[in-house]
Amino acid sequence: MTKPNIIFILVDDHAPHAISAYGSRVNTTPHIDRIAHQGALLESMFCTNSICTPSRASILTGTYSHVNGTPGIFAEFDYRVPTFVAGLREHGYATALYGKWHLGESASARPRDFDDWLVFPGQGAYIDPPMIGPDGERTMRGYATDIVTDLALDWMSRRDAERPFALFIHHKAPHAPWIPDDKHLDMYPAGSIPEPATLHDDHRTLGAWSERTTMSVADDLQERHIKEPLPPELMGPEQREQRASWKYQRYMRDYLQVIQAVDDNVGRVLDRLAATEEEQNTIVVYMSDQGFFLGDHGWYDKRLMFEQSLQMPALIRWPAGIAPRTTVPDILTNVDIAATLLDLCGIDAASALPASQGHSFAAQLRGEAVSDRPDAMYYRYWEHDDPNHHVPAHYGIRTRTHKLICYYNDPLGVPGASDRRFPVEWELYDLAEDPQEVHNVIDDPNRSGIVLELRERLGQLQAHYGDLPYNGPDTPHPDWGEGVQQFSQSPR
């Protein structure tokens, strides 16, 4: 068989529970669902650092943030760590990228290994977005999600047909501020959207850190987010629950309308592909760079190791190699994606990605039994107490049944940089008994055995990935690369 083509659709902040193939209660996504129904749905795909820039770097390189030097949004991608795109191009692939890059603003951090590319500066804009390419910057007229798809479809029609291709379609949507296009403004009207069971969670069983975060739907979503002034009668502290419900409806209305434009454009890509002879041998991937809180625990945004932020939607269709309605229950991470795509293309991942820390899950996509998959994943969020959301630095382990999290409340362990106001805090969640993660049972004496076991396994994962545990504010990480040092010195 000739090498398969790849169409990789990456979106920003699309939670799995806003995709109907994942059982959404709030919207329907018929075109995204086509990928799941005609291919594979990954049930347990997790990000290793739930924030845009780090996740994108991990997807490209198959490495954790402390290896690729991209731990937070202030970091720039370090090309000394190879990407799977370079591996594809070295093996004859035509490559193109359109849309959101978000891996640095300097010339040295711009896209490489693409035959053609045009990307948004920074987060990008929804309406008439500026875009940067090899020849400089220009303003594109129209709606960003449509524009990115137009560029991708145009490239498909003019590319070198003698070469296999890898096309990367990176949408800004559904990242804030949520600005829908005109055609979807009547969908999901305020008042019609089901609330999550934990919208009014009071966080009494969480750690003290939860009182410092500023991701509350009730208190932290501003008029600039929801684009409607809050009624005066909802402003008082005694109206907090009513205020949360009012803001939730407007936040979700815009968020879901923005997703609907993505779904429409996924349909355009699938329809174009179906009109060619290459559909059977083209891998189509739909993925978000992390999950997102949709009012869960009363929050919006991401960053935390709770399920709604941690889980990534990941759907893969390849008619020639993946049976319809395949499901993969294994624990996977964004670090596994690079090796998997190279493997599916018949390229040796170990040679193309010598720094890779991921494992190919190509066998699972083919429906083969695999006995040596990891049964736990390691997570680390580095960007301590960022000025917008004030989420503490933390790391943890997630198994099939439990989640152990350590909030070590230190920026990066840089000498003198620690915020000593807050102590180290631990949390334990029993995912079988408490899937909504509202009961921290770290102090339950009956759980002391599982706590010891998980702490030991956490240490083993840190040793395996070469990421040292937190040992106090004056113990810097010995393996930090240039990118991480730059991040630690960036303005906060």
Protein backbone atom coordinates (compact mmCIF):
# COMPACT_ATOMS: atom_id res chain seq x y z
CA MET A 1 0.00 0.00 0.00
CA THR A 2 1.18 3.53 -0.72
CA LYS A 3 1.81 5.73 2.28
CA PRO A 4 -1.42 7.17 3.69
CA ASN A 5 -2.17 10.86 3.61
CA ILE A 6 -2.92 12.76 6.82
CA ILE A 7 -5.43 15.52 7.50
CA PHE A 8 -4.91 16.70 11.06
CA ILE A 9 -7.65 19.00 12.36
CA LEU A 10 -6.60 20.61 15.65
CA VAL A 11 -8.91 22.92 17.57
CA ASP A 12 -8.45 24.88 20.78
CA ASP A 13 -10.36 24.27 24.04
CA HIS A 14 -12.98 21.88 22.63
CA ALA A 15 -14.15 19.73 25.53
CA PRO A 16 -15.16 16.14 24.71
CA HIS A 17 -18.47 16.70 26.50
CA ALA A 18 -19.36 19.20 23.76
CA ILE A 19 -19.16 16.50 21.06
CA SER A 20 -22.17 14.29 20.55
CA ALA A 21 -20.02 11.24 19.76
CA TYR A 22 -18.74 11.56 23.34
CA GLY A 23 -22.28 11.77 24.69
CA SER A 24 -22.75 15.54 24.85
CA ARG A 25 -25.90 16.73 26.62
CA VAL A 26 -25.55 20.29 25.31
CA ASN A 27 -25.01 20.11 21.53
CA THR A 28 -24.78 17.95 18.43
CA THR A 29 -21.78 17.70 16.11
CA PRO A 30 -22.84 15.51 13.17
CA HIS A 31 -19.75 16.01 11.00
CA ILE A 32 -17.21 15.47 13.77
CA ASP A 33 -19.25 12.41 14.70
CA ARG A 34 -18.72 11.07 11.15
CA ILE A 35 -15.04 10.61 11.98
CA ALA A 36 -15.94 8.58 15.08
CA HIS A 37 -18.62 6.49 13.37
CA GLN A 38 -16.41 5.72 10.38
CA GLY A 39 -13.23 5.29 12.42
CA ALA A 40 -12.01 5.30 16.01
CA LEU A 41 -13.00 7.17 19.15
CA LEU A 42 -10.30 7.36 21.83
CA GLU A 43 -12.08 7.17 25.17
CA SER A 44 -9.17 8.02 27.46
CA MET A 45 -6.90 10.48 25.68
CA PHE A 46 -5.34 12.94 28.13
CA CYS A 47 -3.06 15.96 27.85
CA THR A 48 0.10 16.09 29.94
CA ASN A 49 -0.05 19.86 30.55
CA SER A 50 -3.47 21.41 30.00
CA ILE A 51 -2.66 24.67 28.26
CA CYS A 52 -2.43 25.48 24.56
CA THR A 53 1.25 26.06 23.78
CA PRO A 54 2.64 23.16 25.85
CA SER A 55 0.10 20.68 24.50
CA ARG A 56 0.84 21.65 20.90
CA ALA A 57 4.56 21.19 21.52
CA SER A 58 3.93 17.74 23.03
CA ILE A 59 1.75 16.72 20.08
CA LEU A 60 4.48 17.72 17.60
CA THR A 61 7.44 16.17 19.43
CA GLY A 62 6.08 13.31 21.53
CA THR A 63 7.76 14.77 24.60
CA TYR A 64 6.83 16.30 27.95
CA SER A 65 7.17 20.03 28.58
CA HIS A 66 10.43 19.76 30.52
CA VAL A 67 12.02 18.06 27.48
CA ASN A 68 10.71 20.27 24.68
CA GLY A 69 11.26 23.46 26.71
CA THR A 70 7.67 24.70 26.30
CA PRO A 71 6.01 24.56 29.74
CA GLY A 72 3.71 27.58 29.45
CA ILE A 73 2.22 30.24 27.20
CA PHE A 74 5.28 32.51 27.53
CA ALA A 75 7.63 29.89 26.09
CA GLU A 76 8.65 29.48 22.45
CA PHE A 77 9.09 26.19 20.70
CA ASP A 78 12.68 24.90 20.59
CA TYR A 79 13.39 23.22 17.25
CA ARG A 80 16.33 21.30 18.68
CA VAL A 81 13.66 18.72 19.58
CA PRO A 82 12.56 17.01 16.32
CA THR A 83 8.90 16.99 15.24
CA PHE A 84 6.94 14.25 13.51
CA VAL A 85 6.23 16.73 10.69
CA ALA A 86 9.95 16.78 9.91
CA GLY A 87 9.90 12.98 9.87
CA LEU A 88 7.02 12.96 7.40
CA ARG A 89 8.70 15.47 5.12
CA GLU A 90 11.97 13.54 5.16
CA HIS A 91 10.01 10.54 3.86
CA GLY A 92 8.57 12.40 0.90
CA TYR A 93 5.42 13.98 2.28
CA ALA A 94 4.07 17.28 1.01
CA THR A 95 3.14 19.31 4.09
CA ALA A 96 1.01 22.39 4.77
CA LEU A 97 -0.30 24.23 7.84
CA TYR A 98 -3.10 26.80 8.10
CA GLY A 99 -4.56 28.49 11.18
CA LYS A 100 -3.40 28.67 14.77
CA TRP A 101 0.26 27.98 15.55
CA HIS A 102 0.73 29.61 18.98
CA LEU A 103 4.23 28.26 19.59
CA GLY A 104 6.06 31.57 19.69
CA GLU A 105 6.12 34.96 18.01
CA SER A 106 9.79 35.27 17.05
CA ALA A 107 11.02 34.34 13.58
CA SER A 108 12.95 31.38 15.00
CA ALA A 109 9.76 29.88 16.47
CA ARG A 110 7.64 30.11 13.31
CA PRO A 111 6.54 26.95 11.45
CA ARG A 112 9.20 24.82 9.83
CA ASP A 113 9.04 21.67 7.72
CA PHE A 114 5.92 22.86 5.90
CA ASP A 115 5.89 23.40 2.14
CA ASP A 116 3.21 26.04 2.64
CA TRP A 117 1.88 27.75 5.74
CA LEU A 118 -0.19 30.71 6.86
CA VAL A 119 -0.88 31.18 10.57
CA PHE A 120 -2.50 33.59 12.99
CA PRO A 121 -0.21 35.76 15.10
CA GLY A 122 -0.75 34.81 18.75
CA GLN A 123 -4.27 33.63 19.50
CA GLY A 124 -5.67 34.99 16.24
CA ALA A 125 -8.93 36.83 15.61
CA TYR A 126 -12.33 35.48 14.54
CA ILE A 127 -13.25 38.32 12.17
CA ASP A 128 -10.93 39.53 9.35
CA PRO A 129 -7.87 37.92 10.98
CA PRO A 130 -4.31 38.97 10.22
CA MET A 131 -2.22 35.98 9.13
CA ILE A 132 1.53 35.51 8.78
CA GLY A 133 3.24 33.44 6.11
CA PRO A 134 6.73 33.07 4.64
CA ASP A 135 6.17 36.30 2.70
CA GLY A 136 4.96 38.40 5.63
CA GLU A 137 1.61 39.42 7.13
CA ARG A 138 -1.72 40.03 5.42
CA THR A 139 -5.31 40.49 6.52
CA MET A 140 -7.81 37.87 5.44
CA ARG A 141 -11.44 38.92 5.04
CA GLY A 142 -14.16 36.79 6.56
CA TYR A 143 -14.66 34.38 9.45
CA ALA A 144 -11.53 32.61 10.71
CA THR A 145 -12.94 29.07 10.75
CA ASP A 146 -14.12 29.40 7.13
CA ILE A 147 -10.87 31.05 6.05
CA VAL A 148 -8.66 28.29 7.46
CA THR A 149 -10.77 25.65 5.71
CA ASP A 150 -10.72 27.60 2.44
CA LEU A 151 -6.91 27.75 2.56
CA ALA A 152 -6.66 24.04 3.29
CA LEU A 153 -9.03 23.02 0.49
CA ASP A 154 -7.25 25.30 -1.95
CA TRP A 155 -3.92 23.67 -1.11
CA MET A 156 -5.43 20.21 -1.59
CA SER A 157 -6.40 21.17 -5.14
CA ARG A 158 -2.96 22.53 -6.10
CA ARG A 159 -0.51 20.33 -4.18
CA ASP A 160 1.94 17.91 -5.79
CA ALA A 161 -0.30 14.92 -6.50
CA GLU A 162 2.73 12.62 -6.85
CA ARG A 163 3.55 12.85 -3.15
CA PRO A 164 1.61 11.70 -0.09
CA PHE A 165 0.45 14.71 1.89
CA ALA A 166 0.06 15.85 5.49
CA LEU A 167 -2.33 18.78 5.86
CA PHE A 168 -2.70 20.53 9.22
CA ILE A 169 -5.92 22.51 9.74
CA HIS A 170 -5.56 24.39 13.04
CA HIS A 171 -8.64 26.36 14.06
CA LYS A 172 -8.67 29.17 16.59
CA ALA A 173 -12.13 28.03 17.66
CA PRO A 174 -13.50 27.47 20.19
CA HIS A 175 -10.98 29.59 22.12
CA ALA A 176 -12.25 32.74 23.86
CA PRO A 177 -13.52 35.32 23.11
CA TRP A 178 -16.33 33.26 21.64
CA ILE A 179 -17.50 35.16 18.54
CA PRO A 180 -19.95 33.13 16.43
CA ASP A 181 -20.58 33.63 12.74
CA ASP A 182 -23.94 34.98 11.60
CA LYS A 183 -25.35 31.68 10.35
CA HIS A 184 -25.35 30.07 13.82
CA LEU A 185 -26.66 32.95 15.95
CA ASP A 186 -30.06 31.31 16.47
CA MET A 187 -28.65 28.05 17.82
CA TYR A 188 -28.55 27.11 21.51
CA PRO A 189 -30.43 30.15 22.85
CA ALA A 190 -29.83 31.25 26.44
CA GLY A 191 -32.10 29.33 28.76
CA SER A 192 -32.13 26.15 26.69
CA ILE A 193 -28.79 24.60 27.68
CA PRO A 194 -28.66 21.93 30.43
CA GLU A 195 -26.52 22.86 33.43
CA PRO A 196 -23.81 20.52 34.71
CA ALA A 197 -24.52 18.89 38.05
CA THR A 198 -21.56 20.67 39.65
CA LEU A 199 -22.21 24.22 38.39
CA HIS A 200 -22.87 25.36 41.96
CA ASP A 201 -20.12 23.28 43.60
CA ASP A 202 -18.91 25.14 46.72
CA HIS A 203 -15.47 23.41 46.71
CA ARG A 204 -15.71 22.60 50.42
CA THR A 205 -13.91 19.29 49.97
CA LEU A 206 -11.16 20.69 47.76
CA GLY A 207 -7.90 22.24 48.94
CA ALA A 208 -7.33 25.85 49.91
CA TRP A 209 -5.92 26.47 46.44
CA SER A 210 -9.47 26.39 45.00
CA GLU A 211 -10.35 29.64 46.79
CA ARG A 212 -7.49 31.45 45.03
CA THR A 213 -8.28 30.47 41.45
CA THR A 214 -10.18 32.95 39.30
CA MET A 215 -12.02 30.69 36.85
CA SER A 216 -15.49 31.04 38.35
CA VAL A 217 -18.43 31.35 35.98
CA ALA A 218 -20.30 33.34 38.62
CA ASP A 219 -17.53 35.75 39.60
CA ASP A 220 -14.81 35.78 36.94
CA LEU A 221 -16.57 35.60 33.58
CA GLN A 222 -16.77 39.26 32.57
CA GLU A 223 -18.94 41.24 30.18
CA ARG A 224 -16.12 41.04 27.62
CA HIS A 225 -16.54 37.24 27.69
CA ILE A 226 -20.33 37.04 27.49
CA LYS A 227 -20.93 40.34 25.67
CA GLU A 228 -24.02 41.21 27.71
CA PRO A 229 -24.19 43.41 30.82
CA LEU A 230 -25.09 41.58 34.01
CA PRO A 231 -28.55 42.57 35.27
CA PRO A 232 -28.16 44.70 38.42
CA GLU A 233 -30.42 42.39 40.43
CA LEU A 234 -27.86 39.57 40.02
CA MET A 235 -24.82 41.45 41.31
CA GLY A 236 -25.00 40.77 45.04
CA PRO A 237 -23.27 37.87 46.83
CA GLU A 238 -26.62 36.37 47.80
CA GLN A 239 -27.46 36.04 44.08
CA ARG A 240 -24.33 34.04 43.27
CA GLU A 241 -26.15 30.90 42.11
CA GLN A 242 -28.59 32.84 39.94
CA ARG A 243 -25.68 34.83 38.53
CA ALA A 244 -23.79 31.62 37.70
CA SER A 245 -26.80 30.22 35.86
CA TRP A 246 -27.36 33.46 33.92
CA LYS A 247 -23.72 33.72 32.85
CA TYR A 248 -23.48 30.01 32.08
CA GLN A 249 -26.30 30.20 29.55
CA ARG A 250 -24.66 33.05 27.64
CA TYR A 251 -21.16 31.65 27.83
CA MET A 252 -22.30 28.27 26.56
CA ARG A 253 -24.52 29.76 23.86
CA ASP A 254 -21.55 31.51 22.26
CA TYR A 255 -19.15 28.61 22.86
CA LEU A 256 -21.49 26.08 21.23
CA GLN A 257 -22.27 28.37 18.29
CA VAL A 258 -18.54 28.73 17.62
CA ILE A 259 -18.19 24.92 17.70
CA GLN A 260 -21.02 24.58 15.21
CA ALA A 261 -18.96 26.52 12.65
CA VAL A 262 -16.08 24.12 13.26
CA ASP A 263 -18.41 21.16 12.73
CA ASP A 264 -19.71 22.62 9.46
CA ASN A 265 -16.17 23.07 8.21
CA VAL A 266 -15.16 19.56 9.21
CA GLY A 267 -18.02 18.48 6.99
CA ARG A 268 -16.62 20.54 4.12
CA VAL A 269 -13.25 18.80 4.44
CA LEU A 270 -14.79 15.33 4.63
CA ASP A 271 -17.03 16.04 1.63
CA ARG A 272 -14.10 17.29 -0.45
CA LEU A 273 -12.09 14.21 0.47
CA ALA A 274 -15.02 11.95 -0.44
CA ALA A 275 -15.03 13.47 -3.91
CA THR A 276 -11.47 12.26 -4.52
CA GLU A 277 -9.90 8.86 -5.00
CA GLU A 278 -7.79 9.36 -1.88
CA GLU A 279 -10.47 9.04 0.79
CA GLN A 280 -9.78 5.37 1.53
CA ASN A 281 -6.09 5.98 2.18
CA THR A 282 -6.30 9.26 4.10
CA ILE A 283 -6.03 9.41 7.88
CA VAL A 284 -8.29 12.12 9.28
CA VAL A 285 -7.63 13.21 12.86
CA TYR A 286 -9.87 15.49 14.90
CA MET A 287 -8.39 16.63 18.19
CA SER A 288 -8.36 19.50 20.67
CA ASP A 289 -5.20 20.63 22.44
CA GLN A 290 -6.92 20.02 25.80
CA GLY A 291 -10.35 19.86 27.36
CA PHE A 292 -12.30 22.73 28.94
CA PHE A 293 -14.55 23.37 31.91
CA LEU A 294 -18.12 23.93 30.72
CA GLY A 295 -19.41 25.16 34.06
CA ASP A 296 -18.18 21.97 35.71
CA HIS A 297 -17.25 22.72 39.33
CA GLY A 298 -18.51 26.22 38.57
CA TRP A 299 -15.49 26.90 36.34
CA TYR A 300 -14.53 27.82 32.80
CA ASP A 301 -11.03 27.51 31.24
CA LYS A 302 -8.67 24.53 31.79
CA ARG A 303 -5.19 23.99 33.42
CA LEU A 304 -6.30 21.81 36.32
CA MET A 305 -5.96 18.03 36.42
CA PHE A 306 -9.72 17.52 36.76
CA GLU A 307 -11.27 15.34 34.06
CA GLN A 308 -13.00 18.08 32.06
CA SER A 309 -9.68 19.87 31.57
CA LEU A 310 -7.49 16.77 31.35
CA GLN A 311 -9.37 14.77 28.73
CA MET A 312 -8.86 15.59 25.06
CA PRO A 313 -11.28 14.60 22.32
CA ALA A 314 -9.46 12.45 19.80
CA LEU A 315 -11.11 10.84 16.75
CA ILE A 316 -9.22 9.10 13.93
CA ARG A 317 -10.64 7.80 10.65
CA TRP A 318 -8.71 5.77 8.08
CA PRO A 319 -10.97 3.57 5.94
CA ALA A 320 -8.05 1.47 4.69
CA GLY A 321 -6.73 0.73 8.17
CA ILE A 322 -9.31 1.38 10.93
CA ALA A 323 -12.65 -0.39 11.20
CA PRO A 324 -15.77 1.74 11.67
CA ARG A 325 -16.94 2.42 15.23
CA THR A 326 -13.66 1.32 16.79
CA THR A 327 -13.23 2.40 20.41
CA VAL A 328 -9.92 2.51 22.23
CA PRO A 329 -10.34 2.49 26.03
CA ASP A 330 -6.61 2.50 26.87
CA ILE A 331 -5.04 5.42 28.72
CA LEU A 332 -3.27 7.53 26.07
CA THR A 333 -1.70 10.99 26.10
CA ASN A 334 -0.83 13.73 23.64
CA VAL A 335 2.79 12.57 23.95
CA ASP A 336 1.75 9.36 22.11
CA ILE A 337 0.36 11.05 19.00
CA ALA A 338 3.59 11.73 17.09
CA ALA A 339 4.84 8.14 17.32
CA THR A 340 1.42 6.79 16.35
CA LEU A 341 1.07 8.86 13.19
CA LEU A 342 4.58 7.98 12.05
CA ASP A 343 3.85 4.32 12.77
CA LEU A 344 0.62 4.42 10.72
CA CYS A 345 2.64 5.90 7.86
CA GLY A 346 5.24 3.14 8.02
CA ILE A 347 7.98 5.42 9.37
CA ASP A 348 10.22 4.29 12.23
CA ALA A 349 9.35 6.65 15.08
CA ALA A 350 12.47 5.83 17.09
CA SER A 351 14.67 7.12 14.26
CA ALA A 352 12.55 10.14 13.38
CA LEU A 353 11.92 11.16 17.02
CA PRO A 354 14.98 10.20 19.09
CA ALA A 355 13.70 12.26 22.04
CA SER A 356 10.19 10.77 21.97
CA GLN A 357 8.66 9.68 25.27
CA GLY A 358 5.45 8.41 23.70
CA HIS A 359 4.17 5.02 22.65
CA SER A 360 2.43 4.24 19.39
CA PHE A 361 -1.17 3.10 19.74
CA ALA A 362 -1.45 2.08 16.08
CA ALA A 363 -2.07 -1.53 17.09
CA GLN A 364 -5.13 -0.54 19.13
CA LEU A 365 -6.48 1.42 16.18
CA ARG A 366 -6.18 -1.76 14.11
CA GLY A 367 -8.13 -3.65 16.74
CA GLU A 368 -5.17 -5.73 17.91
CA ALA A 369 -4.84 -6.84 21.53
CA VAL A 370 -2.04 -5.04 23.38
CA SER A 371 -0.93 -6.17 26.81
CA ASP A 372 1.87 -3.76 27.63
CA ARG A 373 0.11 -0.38 27.48
CA PRO A 374 0.68 1.98 30.43
CA ASP A 375 -2.20 1.81 32.92
CA ALA A 376 -1.50 5.28 34.34
CA MET A 377 -0.52 8.71 33.04
CA TYR A 378 1.62 11.52 34.43
CA TYR A 379 0.59 15.18 34.38
CA ARG A 380 2.40 18.40 35.24
CA TYR A 381 1.17 21.98 35.04
CA TRP A 382 4.04 24.45 35.46
CA GLU A 383 2.56 27.91 35.14
CA HIS A 384 2.10 28.72 38.83
CA ASP A 385 -0.31 31.51 39.83
CA ASP A 386 -0.65 33.00 36.34
CA PRO A 387 -2.08 36.54 36.47
CA ASN A 388 -5.40 35.65 34.82
CA HIS A 389 -6.49 32.44 36.52
CA HIS A 390 -4.18 31.95 39.54
CA VAL A 391 -3.97 28.20 39.17
CA PRO A 392 -1.23 26.62 41.33
CA ALA A 393 1.61 24.57 39.91
CA HIS A 394 0.85 20.88 40.36
CA TYR A 395 1.55 17.37 39.15
CA GLY A 396 -0.16 14.03 39.56
CA ILE A 397 -0.99 10.55 38.41
CA ARG A 398 -4.22 9.22 36.94
CA THR A 399 -4.99 5.52 36.85
CA ARG A 400 -8.15 3.77 35.77
CA THR A 401 -9.66 4.16 39.22
CA HIS A 402 -7.87 6.96 41.07
CA LYS A 403 -6.27 10.35 40.71
CA LEU A 404 -3.58 11.72 43.04
CA ILE A 405 -2.63 15.40 42.71
CA CYS A 406 0.10 17.41 44.43
CA TYR A 407 -0.24 21.22 44.42
CA TYR A 408 3.31 22.22 45.23
CA ASN A 409 2.63 25.96 44.86
CA ASP A 410 5.99 26.93 43.40
CA PRO A 411 6.63 28.61 40.03
CA LEU A 412 9.43 26.33 38.84
CA GLY A 413 11.64 25.71 41.83
CA VAL A 414 13.85 28.63 40.77
CA PRO A 415 15.81 29.86 43.83
CA GLY A 416 14.06 32.82 45.41
CA ALA A 417 11.01 32.53 43.14
CA SER A 418 8.80 30.41 45.38
CA ASP A 419 5.51 31.76 46.66
CA ARG A 420 5.87 30.67 50.27
CA ARG A 421 2.41 31.89 51.28
CA PHE A 422 0.87 28.56 50.34
CA PRO A 423 1.82 25.08 51.56
CA VAL A 424 2.06 21.90 49.54
CA GLU A 425 -1.38 20.27 49.25
CA TRP A 426 -2.40 16.76 48.17
CA GLU A 427 -5.72 15.49 46.83
CA LEU A 428 -7.03 12.00 46.12
CA TYR A 429 -10.12 11.18 44.05
CA ASP A 430 -11.74 7.78 43.72
CA LEU A 431 -12.93 7.92 40.12
CA ALA A 432 -15.04 4.79 40.46
CA GLU A 433 -17.04 6.07 43.44
CA ASP A 434 -16.80 9.79 42.66
CA PRO A 435 -16.56 10.33 38.88
CA GLN A 436 -17.46 14.03 39.27
CA GLU A 437 -14.43 14.57 41.54
CA VAL A 438 -16.18 16.49 44.30
CA HIS A 439 -14.88 14.48 47.29
CA ASN A 440 -11.20 14.78 48.09
CA VAL A 441 -10.49 11.69 50.23
CA ILE A 442 -6.79 12.22 50.90
CA ASP A 443 -7.36 12.23 54.68
CA ASP A 444 -9.52 9.10 54.76
CA PRO A 445 -7.56 6.61 56.92
CA ASN A 446 -9.08 3.75 54.95
CA ARG A 447 -7.34 5.07 51.82
CA SER A 448 -3.83 5.30 53.27
CA GLY A 449 -2.74 2.21 51.35
CA ILE A 450 -3.80 3.55 47.96
CA VAL A 451 -2.17 6.91 48.77
CA LEU A 452 1.17 5.22 49.47
CA GLU A 453 0.85 3.10 46.34
CA LEU A 454 0.03 6.09 44.12
CA ARG A 455 2.80 8.24 45.57
CA GLU A 456 5.25 5.47 44.81
CA ARG A 457 3.91 5.08 41.28
CA LEU A 458 4.00 8.84 40.79
CA GLY A 459 7.69 8.82 41.68
CA GLN A 460 8.28 5.98 39.25
CA LEU A 461 6.62 7.91 36.42
CA GLN A 462 8.64 11.01 37.21
CA ALA A 463 11.84 8.96 37.12
CA HIS A 464 10.76 7.30 33.87
CA TYR A 465 10.12 10.63 32.14
CA GLY A 466 13.13 12.36 33.71
CA ASP A 467 11.05 14.94 35.57
CA LEU A 468 12.17 15.34 39.17
CA PRO A 469 9.60 15.75 41.95
CA TYR A 470 9.32 18.99 43.85
CA ASN A 471 11.94 19.12 46.62
CA GLY A 472 11.58 22.66 47.90
CA PRO A 473 11.83 26.21 46.56
CA ASP A 474 15.62 26.23 46.37
CA THR A 475 15.99 23.08 44.27
CA PRO A 476 16.06 23.97 40.56
CA HIS A 477 15.31 21.36 37.95
CA PRO A 478 18.64 20.09 36.54
CA ASP A 479 17.24 19.19 33.13
CA TRP A 480 15.64 22.46 32.16
CA GLY A 481 16.40 23.46 28.63
CA GLU A 482 16.87 26.93 27.26
CA GLY A 483 13.14 27.28 26.63
CA VAL A 484 12.23 26.60 30.25
CA GLN A 485 14.86 29.01 31.55
CA GLN A 486 13.40 31.67 29.26
CA PHE A 487 9.90 30.91 30.58
CA SER A 488 11.02 31.21 34.20
CA GLN A 489 12.37 34.69 33.53
CA SER A 490 9.38 35.97 31.55
CA PRO A 491 7.11 38.71 32.93
CA ARG A 492 4.31 37.22 34.98
